[in-house]
Structures are given as structure tokens and as C-alpha cells.
Amino acid sequence: MKLLAIILSLLYVTPVYVVEKYPKLTFLDKRIVDLKKVKQGTVVKHTFHLKNCGEAPLIFLDVQKSCNCTSAEISQNILQPNEEGSIEIEIDTKGKIGTTTISIVLETNTTDKEYALRISMDVVK
């Protein structure tokens, strides 16, 4: 009976640690890109390469773009741990002139939640 009491008391005072695993988004390229001069009317493409360096699946929940002239295509919506992926951005420069900056925000299930990407260029005639 004393042994049972000792075991039960140890269960109440022994801390239990739960180690949660999280995804971690790492960009393999710069998140801010300057394309320099771009001729007006061209469709510009840029690919950002990324990797899940965490220990849980990384889920892309949403992609927000600052301009309707922009499309964003994620290679896959879920990246497993240590898996690489990409997001391809296309920007139609029709109707644009001068310094142009496009922002893309990736919403994820990581602890940081959101990641901003930016592409700037000087659109010339």
C-alpha cells in the first residue's frame, strides 16, 4: 500500500512535457526581388523556392496579391517536413508605367502565420 502511495505521489509531482512539432517555412531565395527595367506590356515571371524545415506538415491557407495584374501558383498546398516547393508569380505589366511594386502575402499554419514577398520593377515603354 505504501508503494502504491509513493507511485501515485510521483505521478502528481512529475512534470509531463508535451513536445509539439511545428512547420517552419524557409525561403531558398530572397523574398524581395528587383527585376530592374521591364518593357510595358510584357508578362513577367518569377519563381520563389521554399522549404519546410519544420517537423510538421506546412499548409498554405491563402495567397493574397496586391494587384489583379498578378497571379500566384503554389506547386503544392501542403509541404511535408524537409520537402521543397515553389510559388510562381506572373505579373502583367499592361497599363503600367514607372516604378511598380507587387506584394504577395502567403498565409500559412506556421507560428509566424504570414510571409510577405515583393517584386519591384521599372516599367518602361
N, C-alpha and C. Protein backbone atom coordinates (compact mmCIF):
# COMPACT_ATOMS: atom_id res chain seq x y z
N MET A 1 0.81 -1.19 0.00
CA MET A 1 0.00 0.00 0.00
C MET A 1 0.86 1.26 0.00
N LYS A 2 1.96 1.24 0.80
CA LYS A 2 2.88 2.38 0.81
C LYS A 2 3.51 2.58 -0.56
N LEU A 3 3.86 1.47 -1.20
CA LEU A 3 4.46 1.56 -2.53
C LEU A 3 3.51 2.21 -3.53
N LEU A 4 2.24 1.85 -3.46
CA LEU A 4 1.23 2.45 -4.34
C LEU A 4 1.08 3.94 -4.07
N ALA A 5 1.13 4.31 -2.80
CA ALA A 5 1.03 5.74 -2.44
C ALA A 5 2.23 6.51 -2.98
N ILE A 6 3.41 5.93 -2.91
CA ILE A 6 4.61 6.59 -3.42
C ILE A 6 4.53 6.75 -4.93
N ILE A 7 4.11 5.71 -5.62
CA ILE A 7 4.00 5.78 -7.08
C ILE A 7 2.97 6.83 -7.48
N LEU A 8 1.84 6.86 -6.83
CA LEU A 8 0.81 7.85 -7.15
C LEU A 8 1.29 9.27 -6.86
N SER A 9 2.03 9.45 -5.77
CA SER A 9 2.53 10.80 -5.47
C SER A 9 3.56 11.24 -6.51
N LEU A 10 4.36 10.33 -7.02
CA LEU A 10 5.31 10.67 -8.07
C LEU A 10 4.60 11.08 -9.36
N LEU A 11 3.50 10.44 -9.64
CA LEU A 11 2.74 10.80 -10.83
C LEU A 11 2.20 12.22 -10.75
N TYR A 12 1.85 12.67 -9.57
CA TYR A 12 1.30 14.01 -9.41
C TYR A 12 2.35 15.10 -9.42
N VAL A 13 3.59 14.80 -9.05
CA VAL A 13 4.62 15.83 -8.99
C VAL A 13 5.58 15.78 -10.16
N THR A 14 5.55 14.71 -10.95
CA THR A 14 6.43 14.61 -12.11
C THR A 14 5.83 15.40 -13.26
N PRO A 15 6.55 16.42 -13.74
CA PRO A 15 6.00 17.20 -14.84
C PRO A 15 5.97 16.37 -16.13
N VAL A 16 4.93 16.60 -16.88
CA VAL A 16 4.80 15.93 -18.17
C VAL A 16 5.00 16.98 -19.24
N TYR A 17 5.96 16.76 -20.11
CA TYR A 17 6.25 17.70 -21.18
C TYR A 17 5.70 17.17 -22.49
N VAL A 18 4.94 18.00 -23.13
CA VAL A 18 4.42 17.65 -24.45
C VAL A 18 5.21 18.47 -25.46
N VAL A 19 5.89 17.78 -26.33
CA VAL A 19 6.69 18.46 -27.35
C VAL A 19 5.84 18.53 -28.61
N GLU A 20 5.44 19.75 -28.96
CA GLU A 20 4.66 19.92 -30.17
C GLU A 20 5.60 20.14 -31.34
N LYS A 21 5.21 19.60 -32.46
CA LYS A 21 6.00 19.77 -33.67
C LYS A 21 5.33 20.81 -34.55
N TYR A 22 6.15 21.68 -35.11
CA TYR A 22 5.63 22.78 -35.92
C TYR A 22 6.28 22.78 -37.31
N PRO A 23 5.56 23.30 -38.30
CA PRO A 23 6.18 23.54 -39.60
C PRO A 23 7.01 24.82 -39.53
N LYS A 24 8.00 24.92 -40.38
CA LYS A 24 8.82 26.14 -40.45
C LYS A 24 9.11 26.43 -41.92
N LEU A 25 8.61 27.57 -42.40
CA LEU A 25 8.81 27.96 -43.80
C LEU A 25 10.14 28.68 -43.95
N THR A 26 10.97 28.16 -44.84
CA THR A 26 12.26 28.77 -45.15
C THR A 26 12.30 29.07 -46.64
N PHE A 27 12.70 30.29 -46.97
CA PHE A 27 12.83 30.67 -48.38
C PHE A 27 14.25 30.39 -48.84
N LEU A 28 14.39 29.74 -49.98
CA LEU A 28 15.69 29.40 -50.52
C LEU A 28 16.25 30.52 -51.38
N ASP A 29 15.43 31.54 -51.64
CA ASP A 29 15.83 32.72 -52.41
C ASP A 29 15.49 33.95 -51.56
N LYS A 30 15.85 35.10 -52.08
CA LYS A 30 15.45 36.35 -51.43
C LYS A 30 13.95 36.54 -51.57
N ARG A 31 13.34 37.14 -50.56
CA ARG A 31 11.90 37.40 -50.58
C ARG A 31 11.56 38.74 -51.22
N ILE A 32 12.58 39.56 -51.48
CA ILE A 32 12.40 40.85 -52.15
C ILE A 32 13.25 40.82 -53.41
N VAL A 33 12.59 41.04 -54.56
CA VAL A 33 13.27 40.92 -55.85
C VAL A 33 13.09 42.21 -56.63
N ASP A 34 14.17 42.71 -57.24
CA ASP A 34 14.11 43.87 -58.13
C ASP A 34 14.44 43.39 -59.53
N LEU A 35 13.47 43.45 -60.42
CA LEU A 35 13.65 42.98 -61.80
C LEU A 35 14.25 44.04 -62.71
N LYS A 36 14.54 45.21 -62.16
CA LYS A 36 15.11 46.34 -62.92
C LYS A 36 14.13 46.81 -63.98
N LYS A 37 14.60 47.03 -65.22
CA LYS A 37 13.73 47.57 -66.28
C LYS A 37 12.99 46.45 -67.00
N VAL A 38 11.69 46.69 -67.19
CA VAL A 38 10.82 45.73 -67.87
C VAL A 38 10.01 46.51 -68.90
N LYS A 39 9.89 45.96 -70.10
CA LYS A 39 9.13 46.63 -71.15
C LYS A 39 7.63 46.51 -70.87
N GLN A 40 6.94 47.63 -70.98
CA GLN A 40 5.50 47.68 -70.75
C GLN A 40 4.78 46.70 -71.68
N GLY A 41 3.79 45.99 -71.13
CA GLY A 41 3.01 45.03 -71.89
C GLY A 41 3.51 43.60 -71.81
N THR A 42 4.68 43.40 -71.24
CA THR A 42 5.19 42.03 -71.11
C THR A 42 4.63 41.38 -69.85
N VAL A 43 4.58 40.07 -69.86
CA VAL A 43 4.20 39.30 -68.68
C VAL A 43 5.49 38.80 -68.04
N VAL A 44 5.72 39.27 -66.82
CA VAL A 44 6.95 38.94 -66.10
C VAL A 44 6.69 37.74 -65.20
N LYS A 45 7.63 36.79 -65.19
CA LYS A 45 7.52 35.61 -64.33
C LYS A 45 8.69 35.56 -63.36
N HIS A 46 8.39 35.16 -62.13
CA HIS A 46 9.45 34.93 -61.14
C HIS A 46 9.00 33.79 -60.24
N THR A 47 9.94 32.91 -59.91
CA THR A 47 9.64 31.78 -59.04
C THR A 47 10.42 31.91 -57.74
N PHE A 48 9.69 31.81 -56.63
CA PHE A 48 10.31 31.77 -55.30
C PHE A 48 10.36 30.30 -54.87
N HIS A 49 11.54 29.86 -54.41
CA HIS A 49 11.71 28.48 -53.96
C HIS A 49 11.69 28.47 -52.44
N LEU A 50 11.02 27.48 -51.88
CA LEU A 50 10.86 27.41 -50.44
C LEU A 50 10.95 25.99 -49.94
N LYS A 51 11.07 25.87 -48.61
CA LYS A 51 11.23 24.54 -48.00
C LYS A 51 10.59 24.54 -46.62
N ASN A 52 10.01 23.41 -46.25
CA ASN A 52 9.50 23.22 -44.89
C ASN A 52 10.63 22.62 -44.06
N CYS A 53 11.27 23.45 -43.24
CA CYS A 53 12.36 22.98 -42.37
C CYS A 53 11.86 22.57 -41.00
N GLY A 54 10.55 22.50 -40.84
CA GLY A 54 9.97 22.12 -39.55
C GLY A 54 9.76 20.63 -39.44
N GLU A 55 9.01 20.25 -38.39
CA GLU A 55 8.79 18.84 -38.11
C GLU A 55 7.33 18.41 -38.29
N ALA A 56 6.53 19.31 -38.87
CA ALA A 56 5.11 19.01 -39.13
C ALA A 56 4.76 19.53 -40.52
N PRO A 57 3.70 19.02 -41.11
CA PRO A 57 3.30 19.49 -42.44
C PRO A 57 3.01 21.00 -42.45
N LEU A 58 3.49 21.67 -43.49
CA LEU A 58 3.26 23.10 -43.68
C LEU A 58 2.10 23.25 -44.66
N ILE A 59 1.09 24.02 -44.27
CA ILE A 59 -0.10 24.19 -45.10
C ILE A 59 -0.21 25.64 -45.54
N PHE A 60 -0.37 25.85 -46.83
CA PHE A 60 -0.64 27.19 -47.36
C PHE A 60 -2.15 27.40 -47.32
N LEU A 61 -2.58 28.36 -46.52
CA LEU A 61 -4.00 28.61 -46.31
C LEU A 61 -4.57 29.62 -47.31
N ASP A 62 -3.75 30.60 -47.71
CA ASP A 62 -4.24 31.64 -48.60
C ASP A 62 -3.06 32.35 -49.23
N VAL A 63 -3.29 32.92 -50.41
CA VAL A 63 -2.31 33.76 -51.09
C VAL A 63 -3.02 35.07 -51.43
N GLN A 64 -2.50 36.18 -50.92
CA GLN A 64 -3.08 37.49 -51.18
C GLN A 64 -2.13 38.26 -52.09
N LYS A 65 -2.71 38.92 -53.10
CA LYS A 65 -1.91 39.69 -54.06
C LYS A 65 -2.36 41.14 -54.00
N SER A 66 -1.42 42.06 -54.18
CA SER A 66 -1.73 43.48 -54.10
C SER A 66 -2.31 44.04 -55.39
N CYS A 67 -2.35 43.23 -56.46
CA CYS A 67 -2.80 43.73 -57.75
C CYS A 67 -3.50 42.62 -58.53
N ASN A 68 -4.57 42.97 -59.22
CA ASN A 68 -5.25 41.99 -60.07
C ASN A 68 -4.42 41.59 -61.28
N CYS A 69 -3.35 42.33 -61.53
CA CYS A 69 -2.47 42.02 -62.65
C CYS A 69 -1.54 40.84 -62.33
N THR A 70 -1.67 40.30 -61.13
CA THR A 70 -0.75 39.28 -60.64
C THR A 70 -1.46 37.95 -60.42
N SER A 71 -0.79 36.87 -60.83
CA SER A 71 -1.27 35.53 -60.49
C SER A 71 -0.16 34.82 -59.71
N ALA A 72 -0.57 33.94 -58.82
CA ALA A 72 0.38 33.20 -57.99
C ALA A 72 -0.03 31.74 -57.98
N GLU A 73 0.91 30.86 -58.31
CA GLU A 73 0.64 29.43 -58.38
C GLU A 73 1.60 28.70 -57.45
N ILE A 74 1.05 28.08 -56.40
CA ILE A 74 1.87 27.31 -55.46
C ILE A 74 1.99 25.89 -56.00
N SER A 75 3.21 25.34 -55.95
CA SER A 75 3.44 24.00 -56.51
C SER A 75 2.62 22.93 -55.81
N GLN A 76 2.40 23.09 -54.51
CA GLN A 76 1.55 22.18 -53.74
C GLN A 76 1.09 22.88 -52.48
N ASN A 77 -0.12 22.59 -52.04
CA ASN A 77 -0.69 23.29 -50.89
C ASN A 77 -0.15 22.80 -49.55
N ILE A 78 0.42 21.60 -49.53
CA ILE A 78 0.99 21.06 -48.29
C ILE A 78 2.41 20.60 -48.56
N LEU A 79 3.34 21.07 -47.74
CA LEU A 79 4.73 20.61 -47.81
C LEU A 79 5.02 19.78 -46.57
N GLN A 80 5.44 18.56 -46.78
CA GLN A 80 5.81 17.70 -45.66
C GLN A 80 7.16 18.17 -45.10
N PRO A 81 7.54 17.75 -43.88
CA PRO A 81 8.85 18.14 -43.33
C PRO A 81 9.99 17.83 -44.30
N ASN A 82 10.88 18.80 -44.48
CA ASN A 82 12.04 18.74 -45.37
C ASN A 82 11.69 18.71 -46.85
N GLU A 83 10.45 18.94 -47.19
CA GLU A 83 10.05 18.95 -48.59
C GLU A 83 10.17 20.37 -49.15
N GLU A 84 10.60 20.45 -50.42
CA GLU A 84 10.74 21.74 -51.09
C GLU A 84 9.57 21.96 -52.05
N GLY A 85 9.27 23.24 -52.27
CA GLY A 85 8.22 23.61 -53.20
C GLY A 85 8.54 24.96 -53.80
N SER A 86 7.57 25.53 -54.50
CA SER A 86 7.80 26.83 -55.12
C SER A 86 6.47 27.56 -55.28
N ILE A 87 6.59 28.86 -55.50
CA ILE A 87 5.43 29.67 -55.85
C ILE A 87 5.84 30.50 -57.06
N GLU A 88 5.09 30.32 -58.15
CA GLU A 88 5.40 31.04 -59.38
C GLU A 88 4.48 32.25 -59.49
N ILE A 89 5.08 33.39 -59.71
CA ILE A 89 4.36 34.65 -59.81
C ILE A 89 4.41 35.12 -61.26
N GLU A 90 3.26 35.55 -61.79
CA GLU A 90 3.19 36.17 -63.11
C GLU A 90 2.57 37.55 -62.95
N ILE A 91 3.21 38.55 -63.54
CA ILE A 91 2.73 39.93 -63.46
C ILE A 91 2.56 40.46 -64.88
N ASP A 92 1.35 40.91 -65.20
CA ASP A 92 1.07 41.51 -66.50
C ASP A 92 1.31 43.02 -66.37
N THR A 93 2.28 43.53 -67.10
CA THR A 93 2.64 44.95 -66.99
C THR A 93 1.82 45.85 -67.90
N LYS A 94 0.82 45.30 -68.59
CA LYS A 94 -0.04 46.11 -69.47
C LYS A 94 -0.68 47.23 -68.65
N GLY A 95 -0.54 48.47 -69.16
CA GLY A 95 -1.14 49.61 -68.48
C GLY A 95 -0.31 50.18 -67.34
N LYS A 96 0.83 49.60 -67.07
CA LYS A 96 1.70 50.09 -66.00
C LYS A 96 2.84 50.89 -66.61
N ILE A 97 3.33 51.86 -65.85
CA ILE A 97 4.48 52.65 -66.29
C ILE A 97 5.20 53.17 -65.05
N GLY A 98 6.52 53.16 -65.11
CA GLY A 98 7.31 53.66 -63.98
C GLY A 98 7.56 52.58 -62.93
N THR A 99 7.94 53.03 -61.75
CA THR A 99 8.25 52.11 -60.66
C THR A 99 6.99 51.39 -60.21
N THR A 100 7.05 50.08 -60.21
CA THR A 100 5.91 49.25 -59.82
C THR A 100 6.38 48.22 -58.80
N THR A 101 5.62 48.10 -57.73
CA THR A 101 5.93 47.10 -56.70
C THR A 101 4.70 46.26 -56.45
N ILE A 102 4.88 44.96 -56.50
CA ILE A 102 3.80 44.00 -56.28
C ILE A 102 4.13 43.23 -55.00
N SER A 103 3.14 43.10 -54.13
CA SER A 103 3.32 42.34 -52.89
C SER A 103 2.44 41.10 -52.93
N ILE A 104 2.98 40.02 -52.40
CA ILE A 104 2.25 38.76 -52.27
C ILE A 104 2.41 38.33 -50.83
N VAL A 105 1.31 37.98 -50.18
CA VAL A 105 1.36 37.53 -48.79
C VAL A 105 0.87 36.08 -48.75
N LEU A 106 1.72 35.21 -48.19
CA LEU A 106 1.37 33.80 -48.02
C LEU A 106 0.88 33.61 -46.59
N GLU A 107 -0.31 33.08 -46.45
CA GLU A 107 -0.84 32.76 -45.13
C GLU A 107 -0.65 31.26 -44.91
N THR A 108 -0.02 30.90 -43.78
CA THR A 108 0.34 29.51 -43.51
C THR A 108 -0.10 29.09 -42.11
N ASN A 109 0.15 27.84 -41.78
CA ASN A 109 -0.13 27.32 -40.45
C ASN A 109 1.11 27.35 -39.55
N THR A 110 2.13 28.11 -39.91
CA THR A 110 3.34 28.22 -39.09
C THR A 110 3.10 29.19 -37.93
N THR A 111 4.04 29.26 -37.01
CA THR A 111 3.89 30.17 -35.87
C THR A 111 3.94 31.63 -36.31
N ASP A 112 4.63 31.93 -37.42
CA ASP A 112 4.68 33.31 -37.93
C ASP A 112 3.43 33.67 -38.75
N LYS A 113 2.65 32.70 -39.16
CA LYS A 113 1.38 32.87 -39.89
C LYS A 113 1.51 33.43 -41.31
N GLU A 114 2.09 34.64 -41.46
CA GLU A 114 2.12 35.29 -42.77
C GLU A 114 3.55 35.64 -43.19
N TYR A 115 3.78 35.53 -44.50
CA TYR A 115 5.09 35.85 -45.08
C TYR A 115 4.87 36.72 -46.30
N ALA A 116 5.58 37.84 -46.36
CA ALA A 116 5.42 38.77 -47.48
C ALA A 116 6.54 38.57 -48.50
N LEU A 117 6.15 38.59 -49.77
CA LEU A 117 7.08 38.56 -50.89
C LEU A 117 6.87 39.86 -51.65
N ARG A 118 7.95 40.37 -52.26
CA ARG A 118 7.80 41.63 -53.00
C ARG A 118 8.62 41.58 -54.27
N ILE A 119 8.00 42.03 -55.36
CA ILE A 119 8.69 42.13 -56.64
C ILE A 119 8.53 43.58 -57.10
N SER A 120 9.66 44.22 -57.40
CA SER A 120 9.61 45.58 -57.90
C SER A 120 10.28 45.62 -59.27
N MET A 121 9.89 46.64 -60.05
CA MET A 121 10.45 46.80 -61.40
C MET A 121 10.20 48.22 -61.87
N ASP A 122 10.94 48.61 -62.88
CA ASP A 122 10.73 49.89 -63.54
C ASP A 122 10.16 49.58 -64.92
N VAL A 123 8.87 49.83 -65.08
CA VAL A 123 8.20 49.53 -66.35
C VAL A 123 8.41 50.71 -67.32
N VAL A 124 8.99 50.38 -68.47
CA VAL A 124 9.30 51.41 -69.46
C VAL A 124 8.58 51.10 -70.76
N LYS A 125 8.35 52.17 -71.58
CA LYS A 125 7.68 51.98 -72.88
C LYS A 125 8.62 51.38 -73.90
